[in-house]
C-alpha atoms as a PDB file:
ATOM      1  CA  MET A   1     -63.897 -54.824   8.922  1.00  0.00           C
ATOM      2  CA  SER A   2     -63.006 -53.139   5.589  1.00  0.00           C
ATOM      3  CA  VAL A   3     -59.089 -53.321   4.384  1.00  0.00           C
ATOM      4  CA  LYS A   4     -58.965 -49.639   4.212  1.00  0.00           C
ATOM      5  CA  GLU A   5     -60.054 -49.713   8.152  1.00  0.00           C
ATOM      6  CA  TYR A   6     -57.678 -52.406   8.827  1.00  0.00           C
ATOM      7  CA  MET A   7     -54.664 -50.740   7.210  1.00  0.00           C
ATOM      8  CA  GLY A   8     -55.578 -47.522   9.046  1.00  0.00           C
ATOM      9  CA  GLU A   9     -55.228 -49.408  12.373  1.00  0.00           C
ATOM     10  CA  ARG A  10     -52.298 -51.545  11.225  1.00  0.00           C
ATOM     11  CA  PHE A  11     -50.131 -48.522  10.142  1.00  0.00           C
ATOM     12  CA  LYS A  12     -49.995 -45.179  11.843  1.00  0.00           C
ATOM     13  CA  GLN A  13     -50.249 -42.084   9.607  1.00  0.00           C
ATOM     14  CA  PHE A  14     -48.127 -38.713   9.840  1.00  0.00           C
ATOM     15  CA  GLY A  15     -50.351 -35.846   9.213  1.00  0.00           C
ATOM     16  CA  PRO A  16     -48.088 -33.728   7.164  1.00  0.00           C
ATOM     17  CA  THR A  17     -47.069 -36.437   4.658  1.00  0.00           C
ATOM     18  CA  THR A  18     -50.606 -37.828   4.088  1.00  0.00           C
ATOM     19  CA  TRP A  19     -51.932 -33.989   3.218  1.00  0.00           C
ATOM     20  CA  SER A  20     -49.114 -33.733   0.913  1.00  0.00           C
ATOM     21  CA  ILE A  21     -49.859 -36.928  -0.986  1.00  0.00           C
ATOM     22  CA  LYS A  22     -53.324 -36.058  -1.297  1.00  0.00           C
ATOM     23  CA  ASN A  23     -52.410 -32.299  -2.357  1.00  0.00           C
ATOM     24  CA  LYS A  24     -49.495 -33.188  -4.986  1.00  0.00           C
ATOM     25  CA  THR A  25     -50.301 -30.057  -7.048  1.00  0.00           C
ATOM     26  CA  THR A  26     -50.112 -27.645  -3.924  1.00  0.00           C
ATOM     27  CA  ILE A  27     -46.779 -29.040  -3.060  1.00  0.00           C
ATOM     28  CA  TYR A  28     -45.334 -29.121  -6.704  1.00  0.00           C
ATOM     29  CA  LEU A  29     -46.600 -25.124  -6.840  1.00  0.00           C
ATOM     30  CA  ILE A  30     -44.622 -24.474  -3.334  1.00  0.00           C
ATOM     31  CA  MET A  31     -41.201 -25.828  -4.653  1.00  0.00           C
ATOM     32  CA  VAL A  32     -41.680 -23.793  -7.809  1.00  0.00           C
ATOM     33  CA  PHE A  33     -42.039 -20.522  -5.876  1.00  0.00           C
ATOM     34  CA  ILE A  34     -39.121 -21.449  -3.622  1.00  0.00           C
ATOM     35  CA  THR A  35     -37.137 -22.278  -6.358  1.00  0.00           C
ATOM     36  CA  LEU A  36     -37.790 -18.845  -8.018  1.00  0.00           C
ATOM     37  CA  PHE A  37     -37.092 -17.040  -5.048  1.00  0.00           C
ATOM     38  CA  GLY A  38     -33.816 -18.774  -4.547  1.00  0.00           C
ATOM     39  CA  VAL A  39     -32.760 -18.013  -7.962  1.00  0.00           C
ATOM     40  CA  GLN A  40     -34.146 -14.503  -7.508  1.00  0.00           C
ATOM     41  CA  GLN A  41     -31.773 -13.712  -4.527  1.00  0.00           C
ATOM     42  CA  PHE A  42     -29.049 -15.629  -5.856  1.00  0.00           C
ATOM     43  CA  ILE A  43     -29.045 -12.956  -8.995  1.00  0.00           C
ATOM     44  CA  THR A  44     -29.266  -9.907  -6.776  1.00  0.00           C
ATOM     45  CA  LEU A  45     -26.651 -10.893  -4.227  1.00  0.00           C
ATOM     46  CA  PRO A  46     -23.616  -8.647  -4.229  1.00  0.00           C
ATOM     47  CA  LYS A  47     -20.589 -10.913  -5.309  1.00  0.00           C
ATOM     48  CA  GLU A  48     -17.066 -10.092  -5.438  1.00  0.00           C
ATOM     49  CA  GLN A  49     -14.071 -11.644  -7.267  1.00  0.00           C
ATOM     50  CA  PHE A  50     -11.447 -11.187  -4.876  1.00  0.00           C
ATOM     51  CA  PRO A  51     -13.367 -10.564  -1.615  1.00  0.00           C
ATOM     52  CA  ASP A  52     -11.736  -8.564   1.513  1.00  0.00           C
ATOM     53  CA  ILE A  53     -10.390 -11.300   3.449  1.00  0.00           C
ATOM     54  CA  VAL A  54      -9.415 -10.168   7.062  1.00  0.00           C
ATOM     55  CA  ILE A  55      -6.765 -12.161   8.964  1.00  0.00           C
ATOM     56  CA  PRO A  56      -5.322 -11.235  12.232  1.00  0.00           C
ATOM     57  CA  ASN A  57      -1.718 -11.633  11.160  1.00  0.00           C
ATOM     58  CA  ILE A  58       0.699  -8.716  12.317  1.00  0.00           C
ATOM     59  CA  TYR A  59       4.259  -8.205  10.756  1.00  0.00           C
ATOM     60  CA  VAL A  60       7.190  -6.795  12.799  1.00  0.00           C
ATOM     61  CA  GLN A  61      10.098  -5.751  10.838  1.00  0.00           C
ATOM     62  CA  THR A  62      13.579  -4.132  12.048  1.00  0.00           C
ATOM     63  CA  VAL A  63      16.290  -2.911  10.143  1.00  0.00           C
ATOM     64  CA  ASN A  64      20.008  -2.227  11.674  1.00  0.00           C
ATOM     65  CA  PHE A  65      22.945  -2.012   9.001  1.00  0.00           C
ATOM     66  CA  GLY A  66      26.249  -3.495   9.839  1.00  0.00           C
ATOM     67  CA  ASN A  67      25.157  -6.839  11.720  1.00  0.00           C
ATOM     68  CA  SER A  68      25.357 -10.529  10.969  1.00  0.00           C
ATOM     69  CA  PRO A  69      22.184 -12.737  10.929  1.00  0.00           C
ATOM     70  CA  LYS A  70      23.429 -14.024  14.406  1.00  0.00           C
ATOM     71  CA  ASP A  71      23.891 -10.525  16.092  1.00  0.00           C
ATOM     72  CA  ILE A  72      20.324  -9.724  14.415  1.00  0.00           C
ATOM     73  CA  GLU A  73      18.736 -12.492  16.168  1.00  0.00           C
ATOM     74  CA  ASN A  74      20.517 -12.051  19.434  1.00  0.00           C
ATOM     75  CA  LEU A  75      20.260  -8.509  19.606  1.00  0.00           C
ATOM     76  CA  ILE A  76      16.655  -7.779  18.034  1.00  0.00           C
ATOM     77  CA  THR A  77      14.852 -10.855  17.102  1.00  0.00           C
ATOM     78  CA  GLN A  78      15.026 -12.699  20.589  1.00  0.00           C
ATOM     79  CA  PRO A  79      14.123  -9.545  22.995  1.00  0.00           C
ATOM     80  CA  ILE A  80      11.203  -9.025  20.835  1.00  0.00           C
ATOM     81  CA  GLU A  81      10.006 -12.635  20.784  1.00  0.00           C
ATOM     82  CA  LYS A  82      10.202 -12.670  24.455  1.00  0.00           C
ATOM     83  CA  GLN A  83       7.692  -9.871  24.911  1.00  0.00           C
ATOM     84  CA  LEU A  84       5.448 -11.169  22.187  1.00  0.00           C
ATOM     85  CA  LYS A  85       5.095 -14.797  23.882  1.00  0.00           C
ATOM     86  CA  SER A  86       3.999 -13.034  27.016  1.00  0.00           C
ATOM     87  CA  ILE A  87       0.919 -11.367  25.310  1.00  0.00           C
ATOM     88  CA  THR A  88      -2.104 -12.069  27.453  1.00  0.00           C
ATOM     89  CA  GLY A  89      -5.816 -11.785  26.288  1.00  0.00           C
ATOM     90  CA  ALA A  90      -5.268 -12.955  22.897  1.00  0.00           C
ATOM     91  CA  LYS A  91      -4.596 -16.362  21.267  1.00  0.00           C
ATOM     92  CA  ILE A  92      -1.418 -16.659  19.251  1.00  0.00           C
ATOM     93  CA  ASN A  93      -1.458 -19.591  16.983  1.00  0.00           C
ATOM     94  CA  LYS A  94       2.131 -19.309  15.525  1.00  0.00           C
ATOM     95  CA  LEU A  95       4.895 -16.974  15.735  1.00  0.00           C
ATOM     96  CA  THR A  96       7.864 -16.995  12.666  1.00  0.00           C
ATOM     97  CA  SER A  97      10.810 -15.019  12.616  1.00  0.00           C
ATOM     98  CA  THR A  98      13.734 -14.620  10.105  1.00  0.00           C
ATOM     99  CA  SER A  99      16.715 -12.853  10.921  1.00  0.00           C
ATOM    100  CA  VAL A 100      19.155 -11.885   8.007  1.00  0.00           C
ATOM    101  CA  GLN A 101      21.844  -9.713   7.239  1.00  0.00           C
ATOM    102  CA  ASP A 102      20.966  -6.388   8.553  1.00  0.00           C
ATOM    103  CA  PHE A 103      17.163  -7.120   8.978  1.00  0.00           C
ATOM    104  CA  SER A 104      14.877  -8.814  11.369  1.00  0.00           C
ATOM    105  CA  ALA A 105      11.262 -10.114  10.590  1.00  0.00           C
ATOM    106  CA  ILE A 106       8.681 -11.638  12.737  1.00  0.00           C
ATOM    107  CA  LEU A 107       5.016 -12.773  11.781  1.00  0.00           C
ATOM    108  CA  VAL A 108       2.363 -13.041  14.632  1.00  0.00           C
ATOM    109  CA  GLU A 109      -0.352 -15.286  13.666  1.00  0.00           C
ATOM    110  CA  PHE A 110      -3.239 -14.899  16.341  1.00  0.00           C
ATOM    111  CA  ASP A 111      -6.490 -16.854  16.448  1.00  0.00           C
ATOM    112  CA  GLY A 112      -9.241 -16.287  13.911  1.00  0.00           C
ATOM    113  CA  ASN A 113     -11.545 -15.136  16.666  1.00  0.00           C
ATOM    114  CA  VAL A 114      -9.035 -12.391  17.442  1.00  0.00           C
ATOM    115  CA  LYS A 115      -9.862  -8.578  15.860  1.00  0.00           C
ATOM    116  CA  VAL A 116      -7.215  -7.336  13.741  1.00  0.00           C
ATOM    117  CA  ASP A 117      -7.163  -3.772  15.804  1.00  0.00           C
ATOM    118  CA  VAL A 118      -7.116  -5.655  18.993  1.00  0.00           C
ATOM    119  CA  ALA A 119      -3.951  -7.968  17.611  1.00  0.00           C
ATOM    120  CA  LEU A 120      -2.360  -4.946  16.265  1.00  0.00           C
ATOM    121  CA  GLN A 121      -2.581  -2.913  19.517  1.00  0.00           C
ATOM    122  CA  LYS A 122      -1.276  -5.758  21.554  1.00  0.00           C
ATOM    123  CA  VAL A 123       1.988  -6.318  19.750  1.00  0.00           C
ATOM    124  CA  LYS A 124       2.517  -2.881  19.267  1.00  0.00           C
ATOM    125  CA  ASP A 125       2.656  -2.298  23.279  1.00  0.00           C
ATOM    126  CA  ALA A 126       4.883  -5.760  23.165  1.00  0.00           C
ATOM    127  CA  VAL A 127       7.545  -4.212  20.976  1.00  0.00           C
ATOM    128  CA  ASP A 128       7.164  -1.119  23.014  1.00  0.00           C
ATOM    129  CA  LYS A 129       8.400  -3.183  26.104  1.00  0.00           C
ATOM    130  CA  ALA A 130      10.992  -4.549  24.101  1.00  0.00           C
ATOM    131  CA  LYS A 131      12.592  -1.350  23.114  1.00  0.00           C
ATOM    132  CA  GLN A 132      14.368  -1.071  26.378  1.00  0.00           C
ATOM    133  CA  ASP A 133      16.295  -4.166  25.399  1.00  0.00           C
ATOM    134  CA  LEU A 134      16.978  -3.003  21.960  1.00  0.00           C
ATOM    135  CA  PRO A 135      20.306  -1.587  20.532  1.00  0.00           C
ATOM    136  CA  THR A 136      20.032   2.294  21.026  1.00  0.00           C
ATOM    137  CA  ASP A 137      21.543   2.753  17.660  1.00  0.00           C
ATOM    138  CA  LEU A 138      19.028   1.249  15.724  1.00  0.00           C
ATOM    139  CA  THR A 139      19.069   2.344  11.747  1.00  0.00           C
ATOM    140  CA  GLN A 140      15.123   2.035  11.707  1.00  0.00           C
ATOM    141  CA  GLU A 141      12.894   1.637  14.893  1.00  0.00           C
ATOM    142  CA  PRO A 142      10.714  -1.584  14.714  1.00  0.00           C
ATOM    143  CA  ILE A 143       7.517  -1.127  12.186  1.00  0.00           C
ATOM    144  CA  VAL A 144       4.373  -2.874  13.207  1.00  0.00           C
ATOM    145  CA  GLN A 145       1.819  -3.678  10.717  1.00  0.00           C
ATOM    146  CA  GLU A 146      -0.803  -5.465   9.585  1.00  0.00           C
ATOM    147  CA  VAL A 147      -1.111  -8.129   6.752  1.00  0.00           C
ATOM    148  CA  ASN A 148      -3.655  -6.873   4.495  1.00  0.00           C
ATOM    149  CA  LEU A 149      -4.603  -9.096   1.526  1.00  0.00           C
ATOM    150  CA  SER A 150      -6.710  -6.245   0.089  1.00  0.00           C
ATOM    151  CA  ASP A 151      -3.140  -4.629  -0.582  1.00  0.00           C
ATOM    152  CA  GLN A 152      -2.406  -7.176  -3.326  1.00  0.00           C
ATOM    153  CA  PRO A 153      -3.266  -6.255  -7.093  1.00  0.00           C
ATOM    154  CA  ILE A 154      -6.444  -7.557  -8.458  1.00  0.00           C
ATOM    155  CA  MET A 155      -5.457  -6.592 -12.135  1.00  0.00           C
ATOM    156  CA  TYR A 156      -2.513  -5.479 -14.250  1.00  0.00           C
ATOM    157  CA  VAL A 157      -2.745  -3.016 -16.992  1.00  0.00           C
ATOM    158  CA  ASN A 158       0.284  -2.797 -19.295  1.00  0.00           C
ATOM    159  CA  VAL A 159       0.942   0.184 -21.623  1.00  0.00           C
ATOM    160  CA  SER A 160       3.108  -0.339 -24.469  1.00  0.00           C
ATOM    161  CA  GLY A 161       3.297   1.005 -28.116  1.00  0.00           C
ATOM    162  CA  ASP A 162       5.857   2.331 -30.474  1.00  0.00           C
ATOM    163  CA  TYR A 163       6.643   5.412 -28.415  1.00  0.00           C
ATOM    164  CA  ASP A 164       9.596   6.509 -26.097  1.00  0.00           C
ATOM    165  CA  VAL A 165       9.386   5.454 -22.557  1.00  0.00           C
ATOM    166  CA  MET A 166       8.927   8.971 -21.339  1.00  0.00           C
ATOM    167  CA  LYS A 167       6.056   9.301 -23.586  1.00  0.00           C
ATOM    168  CA  LEU A 168       4.628   6.140 -22.234  1.00  0.00           C
ATOM    169  CA  LYS A 169       4.884   7.258 -19.021  1.00  0.00           C
ATOM    170  CA  LYS A 170       2.704  10.143 -19.517  1.00  0.00           C
ATOM    171  CA  TYR A 171       0.289   7.649 -20.877  1.00  0.00           C
ATOM    172  CA  ALA A 172       0.289   5.671 -18.002  1.00  0.00           C
ATOM    173  CA  ASP A 173       0.417   8.586 -15.478  1.00  0.00           C
ATOM    174  CA  ASP A 174      -3.150  10.136 -17.491  1.00  0.00           C
ATOM    175  CA  LEU A 175      -4.539   6.314 -17.222  1.00  0.00           C
ATOM    176  CA  GLN A 176      -3.442   6.135 -13.284  1.00  0.00           C
ATOM    177  CA  ASP A 177      -5.530   9.569 -12.680  1.00  0.00           C
ATOM    178  CA  GLN A 178      -8.642   8.342 -14.028  1.00  0.00           C
ATOM    179  CA  LEU A 179      -8.397   4.817 -12.547  1.00  0.00           C
ATOM    180  CA  GLU A 180      -7.981   6.080  -9.265  1.00  0.00           C
ATOM    181  CA  GLU A 181     -10.865   8.172  -9.472  1.00  0.00           C
ATOM    182  CA  LEU A 182     -13.010   5.510  -9.469  1.00  0.00           C
ATOM    183  CA  PRO A 183     -14.532   4.784  -5.711  1.00  0.00           C
ATOM    184  CA  GLN A 184     -13.852   1.030  -5.988  1.00  0.00           C
ATOM    185  CA  ILE A 185      -9.982   1.592  -6.509  1.00  0.00           C
ATOM    186  CA  ASN A 186      -7.928   2.380  -3.404  1.00  0.00           C
ATOM    187  CA  ARG A 187      -4.875   3.097  -5.533  1.00  0.00           C
ATOM    188  CA  VAL A 188      -2.857   2.155  -8.752  1.00  0.00           C
ATOM    189  CA  ASP A 189       0.799   1.684  -8.535  1.00  0.00           C
ATOM    190  CA  VAL A 190       3.166   2.270 -11.618  1.00  0.00           C
ATOM    191  CA  VAL A 191       5.787  -0.119 -12.171  1.00  0.00           C
ATOM    192  CA  GLY A 192       8.785   0.364 -14.703  1.00  0.00           C
ATOM    193  CA  ALA A 193       8.365   3.908 -15.326  1.00  0.00           C
ATOM    194  CA  PRO A 194      11.570   6.151 -15.696  1.00  0.00           C
ATOM    195  CA  GLU A 195      11.824   9.042 -13.033  1.00  0.00           C
ATOM    196  CA  ARG A 196      13.062  12.297 -13.981  1.00  0.00           C
ATOM    197  CA  GLU A 197      16.170  13.068 -12.140  1.00  0.00           C
ATOM    198  CA  PHE A 198      18.351  16.130 -11.594  1.00  0.00           C
ATOM    199  CA  GLN A 199      22.198  14.892 -10.841  1.00  0.00           C
ATOM    200  CA  ILE A 200      24.498  17.676  -9.314  1.00  0.00           C
ATOM    201  CA  ASN A 201      27.753  16.379  -9.614  1.00  0.00           C
ATOM    202  CA  ALA A 202      30.117  18.519  -7.345  1.00  0.00           C
ATOM    203  CA  ASP A 203      33.874  18.776  -7.934  1.00  0.00           C
ATOM    204  CA  ALA A 204      35.721  18.622  -4.734  1.00  0.00           C
ATOM    205  CA  TYR A 205      38.691  20.678  -5.682  1.00  0.00           C
ATOM    206  CA  ARG A 206      36.457  23.740  -6.948  1.00  0.00           C
ATOM    207  CA  MET A 207      34.517  23.087  -3.615  1.00  0.00           C
ATOM    208  CA  GLN A 208      37.924  23.418  -1.798  1.00  0.00           C
ATOM    209  CA  ALA A 209      39.013  26.596  -3.383  1.00  0.00           C
ATOM    210  CA  SER A 210      35.661  28.019  -3.062  1.00  0.00           C
ATOM    211  CA  ASN A 211      35.427  27.177   0.505  1.00  0.00           C
ATOM    212  CA  VAL A 212      31.801  25.513   0.036  1.00  0.00           C
ATOM    213  CA  THR A 213      30.757  22.167   1.549  1.00  0.00           C
ATOM    214  CA  TYR A 214      28.240  19.646   0.632  1.00  0.00           C
ATOM    215  CA  ASP A 215      25.790  21.099   3.298  1.00  0.00           C
ATOM    216  CA  ASP A 216      26.011  24.489   1.617  1.00  0.00           C
ATOM    217  CA  ILE A 217      25.010  22.931  -1.646  1.00  0.00           C
ATOM    218  CA  THR A 218      22.272  20.914   0.071  1.00  0.00           C
ATOM    219  CA  ARG A 219      20.576  23.925   1.797  1.00  0.00           C
ATOM    220  CA  ALA A 220      20.958  26.033  -1.222  1.00  0.00           C
ATOM    221  CA  VAL A 221      19.201  23.819  -3.393  1.00  0.00           C
ATOM    222  CA  ALA A 222      16.472  23.238  -0.857  1.00  0.00           C
ATOM    223  CA  ASN A 223      15.659  26.901   0.029  1.00  0.00           C
ATOM    224  CA  GLU A 224      15.199  27.875  -3.671  1.00  0.00           C
ATOM    225  CA  ASN A 225      13.702  24.828  -4.901  1.00  0.00           C
ATOM    226  CA  ILE A 226      10.089  25.868  -3.070  1.00  0.00           C
ATOM    227  CA  ASP A 227       6.851  27.964  -4.218  1.00  0.00           C
ATOM    228  CA  ILE A 228       6.210  31.088  -2.198  1.00  0.00           C
ATOM    229  CA  SER A 229       3.098  32.379  -1.372  1.00  0.00           C
ATOM    230  CA  GLY A 230       2.856  36.358  -1.846  1.00  0.00           C
ATOM    231  CA  GLY A 231      -0.450  36.603  -0.189  1.00  0.00           C
ATOM    232  CA  GLN A 232      -3.305  38.454  -1.943  1.00  0.00           C
ATOM    233  CA  LEU A 233      -3.553  41.459  -4.430  1.00  0.00           C
ATOM    234  CA  ASP A 234      -6.806  43.804  -4.797  1.00  0.00           C
ATOM    235  CA  VAL A 235      -7.706  43.909  -8.690  1.00  0.00           C
ATOM    236  CA  GLY A 236     -10.461  46.265  -8.809  1.00  0.00           C
ATOM    237  CA  ASN A 237     -13.536  44.118  -7.149  1.00  0.00           C
ATOM    238  CA  MET A 238     -11.459  41.127  -7.015  1.00  0.00           C
ATOM    239  CA  GLN A 239      -8.541  39.326  -5.122  1.00  0.00           C
ATOM    240  CA  ARG A 240      -5.798  37.603  -6.742  1.00  0.00           C
ATOM    241  CA  ASN A 241      -3.365  35.167  -5.110  1.00  0.00           C
ATOM    242  CA  LEU A 242       0.091  35.697  -5.622  1.00  0.00           C
ATOM    243  CA  GLN A 243       2.357  32.878  -5.728  1.00  0.00           C
ATOM    244  CA  LEU A 244       6.631  33.065  -6.630  1.00  0.00           C
ATOM    245  CA  LYS A 245       7.208  29.845  -8.491  1.00  0.00           C
ATOM    246  CA  GLY A 246      10.627  28.592  -7.361  1.00  0.00           C
ATOM    247  CA  GLN A 247      10.379  24.863  -8.100  1.00  0.00           C
ATOM    248  CA  PHE A 248      13.269  23.616 -10.663  1.00  0.00           C
ATOM    249  CA  LYS A 249      12.027  22.724 -14.073  1.00  0.00           C
ATOM    250  CA  THR A 250      15.403  22.405 -15.948  1.00  0.00           C
ATOM    251  CA  ALA A 251      19.136  21.991 -15.389  1.00  0.00           C
ATOM    252  CA  TYR A 252      19.485  25.492 -16.531  1.00  0.00           C
ATOM    253  CA  ASP A 253      17.352  26.600 -13.336  1.00  0.00           C
ATOM    254  CA  ILE A 254      19.515  24.744 -10.894  1.00  0.00           C
ATOM    255  CA  GLN A 255      22.655  26.100 -12.273  1.00  0.00           C
ATOM    256  CA  GLY A 256      21.881  29.585 -11.533  1.00  0.00           C
ATOM    257  CA  VAL A 257      21.506  28.935  -7.457  1.00  0.00           C
ATOM    258  CA  ILE A 258      23.772  30.898  -5.241  1.00  0.00           C
ATOM    259  CA  VAL A 259      25.758  28.682  -3.008  1.00  0.00           C
ATOM    260  CA  ARG A 260      27.336  31.364  -0.910  1.00  0.00           C
ATOM    261  CA  ASN A 261      27.844  34.790  -1.199  1.00  0.00           C
ATOM    262  CA  ALA A 262      29.700  35.807   1.829  1.00  0.00           C
ATOM    263  CA  THR A 263      32.381  38.076   0.430  1.00  0.00           C
ATOM    264  CA  GLY A 264      30.055  39.910  -2.134  1.00  0.00           C
ATOM    265  CA  ASP A 265      31.239  37.401  -4.518  1.00  0.00           C
ATOM    266  CA  ALA A 266      28.520  35.040  -5.436  1.00  0.00           C
ATOM    267  CA  ILE A 267      29.357  31.718  -6.310  1.00  0.00           C
ATOM    268  CA  TYR A 268      26.993  29.755  -8.383  1.00  0.00           C
ATOM    269  CA  LEU A 269      26.497  26.097  -8.514  1.00  0.00           C
ATOM    270  CA  LYS A 270      27.423  26.041 -11.923  1.00  0.00           C
ATOM    271  CA  ASP A 271      30.982  27.236 -10.745  1.00  0.00           C
ATOM    272  CA  ILE A 272      31.445  24.249  -8.582  1.00  0.00           C
ATOM    273  CA  ALA A 273      29.057  21.220  -9.782  1.00  0.00           C
ATOM    274  CA  THR A 274      27.968  19.698 -13.545  1.00  0.00           C
ATOM    275  CA  ILE A 275      24.114  19.318 -13.469  1.00  0.00           C
ATOM    276  CA  LYS A 276      22.612  16.982 -15.590  1.00  0.00           C
ATOM    277  CA  ASP A 277      18.929  16.221 -16.484  1.00  0.00           C
ATOM    278  CA  THR A 278      18.543  12.627 -16.662  1.00  0.00           C
ATOM    279  CA  ILE A 279      16.585   9.404 -15.746  1.00  0.00           C
ATOM    280  CA  LYS A 280      16.743   7.662 -12.119  1.00  0.00           C
ATOM    281  CA  GLU A 281      18.434   4.780 -11.958  1.00  0.00           C
ATOM    282  CA  THR A 282      16.006   2.003 -12.628  1.00  0.00           C
ATOM    283  CA  GLU A 283      14.636  -0.005  -9.420  1.00  0.00           C
ATOM    284  CA  SER A 284      11.527  -2.182 -11.108  1.00  0.00           C
ATOM    285  CA  TYR A 285      11.093  -3.768 -14.568  1.00  0.00           C
ATOM    286  CA  ALA A 286       7.938  -4.866 -16.447  1.00  0.00           C
ATOM    287  CA  ARG A 287       7.956  -6.796 -19.652  1.00  0.00           C
ATOM    288  CA  LEU A 288       5.327  -8.105 -21.989  1.00  0.00           C
ATOM    289  CA  ASN A 289       6.358 -10.736 -24.629  1.00  0.00           C
ATOM    290  CA  GLY A 290       9.915  -9.749 -24.005  1.00  0.00           C
ATOM    291  CA  LYS A 291       9.135  -6.062 -24.870  1.00  0.00           C
ATOM    292  CA  LYS A 292       9.372  -2.838 -22.414  1.00  0.00           C
ATOM    293  CA  VAL A 293       6.092  -1.803 -21.143  1.00  0.00           C
ATOM    294  CA  ILE A 294       4.714   0.156 -18.033  1.00  0.00           C
ATOM    295  CA  THR A 295       2.597  -1.807 -15.976  1.00  0.00           C
ATOM    296  CA  LEU A 296      -0.059  -0.394 -13.675  1.00  0.00           C
ATOM    297  CA  ASN A 297      -0.912  -2.454 -10.571  1.00  0.00           C
ATOM    298  CA  ILE A 298      -4.482  -1.654  -9.827  1.00  0.00           C
ATOM    299  CA  ILE A 299      -5.477  -2.322  -5.772  1.00  0.00           C
ATOM    300  CA  LYS A 300      -9.009  -2.416  -5.239  1.00  0.00           C
ATOM    301  CA  ARG A 301     -10.630  -0.775  -2.029  1.00  0.00           C
ATOM    302  CA  ALA A 302     -11.882  -2.793   1.176  1.00  0.00           C
ATOM    303  CA  VAL A 303     -15.134  -4.157   0.798  1.00  0.00           C
ATOM    304  CA  ARG A 304     -16.009  -2.409   4.258  1.00  0.00           C
ATOM    305  CA  SER A 305     -15.169   0.895   2.976  1.00  0.00           C
ATOM    306  CA  TRP A 306     -17.513   1.212   0.390  1.00  0.00           C
ATOM    307  CA  ASN A 307     -21.194   0.086  -0.489  1.00  0.00           C
ATOM    308  CA  TYR A 308     -22.355  -2.088  -3.190  1.00  0.00           C
ATOM    309  CA  SER A 309     -24.885  -0.785  -5.447  1.00  0.00           C
ATOM    310  CA  ARG A 310     -27.693  -3.299  -6.927  1.00  0.00           C
END
């Protein structure tokens, strides 16, 4: 018996392994093809720096002014928690509540296998059941909403320069309109921009002498600050739309509003109040290296709502 025959009888052979050893060139070529195919798939695979993460977390907030944290907890938080804990058909991993002055916040964290729309509906149903145990004079009804990580900005664009803030605001508004035209962008929030405001500073003594109330001023301004459609006008072979422009552009426009005309003596708004064209009180600030800027917070659209193009 030869050595080769002896070794074949002594050791068992595995067919694919033996064939691979005898055909090394073929195996190398297969490995190269698989590697090239993997690289090609990796290059063409859609990728996103900020992926859309869907987490079944639901947030419940309730506002009721004039209540201490203890009252908020007893009157609002606990009744809602009681109904939330009775939810069936969807596993709740964690329930976190916060009660502060005038405000109640509850975060319901569901199991990852629960769909967001199902979790949202179950929380809404539980809150509806709890309303009968809540105070009837709530400042704001409970608001139920999902925690959407896609609402976080993916980019911040700062607009700055040697211009006044109103000029910078115009540039920021133009840039906001152009960015929101992109299909991948959901919205663009402007932070740090001044907002124009008309202030009507009424004189209480003049109002009393003219027998005018604050409701009279409110109604008069609201009724005048509107655009009214006048229908269509035939001009030859064409039809043109008529519209009466009534929205206020300047403080002078507001001064001419007639508040009352009961006795035939018209009482104008300028007779009982001072109107100022000013800037609204600042509620948000943006800074870059200590300088005042206007920031655009860019928020992307959810991945599931638009298709990638390769």
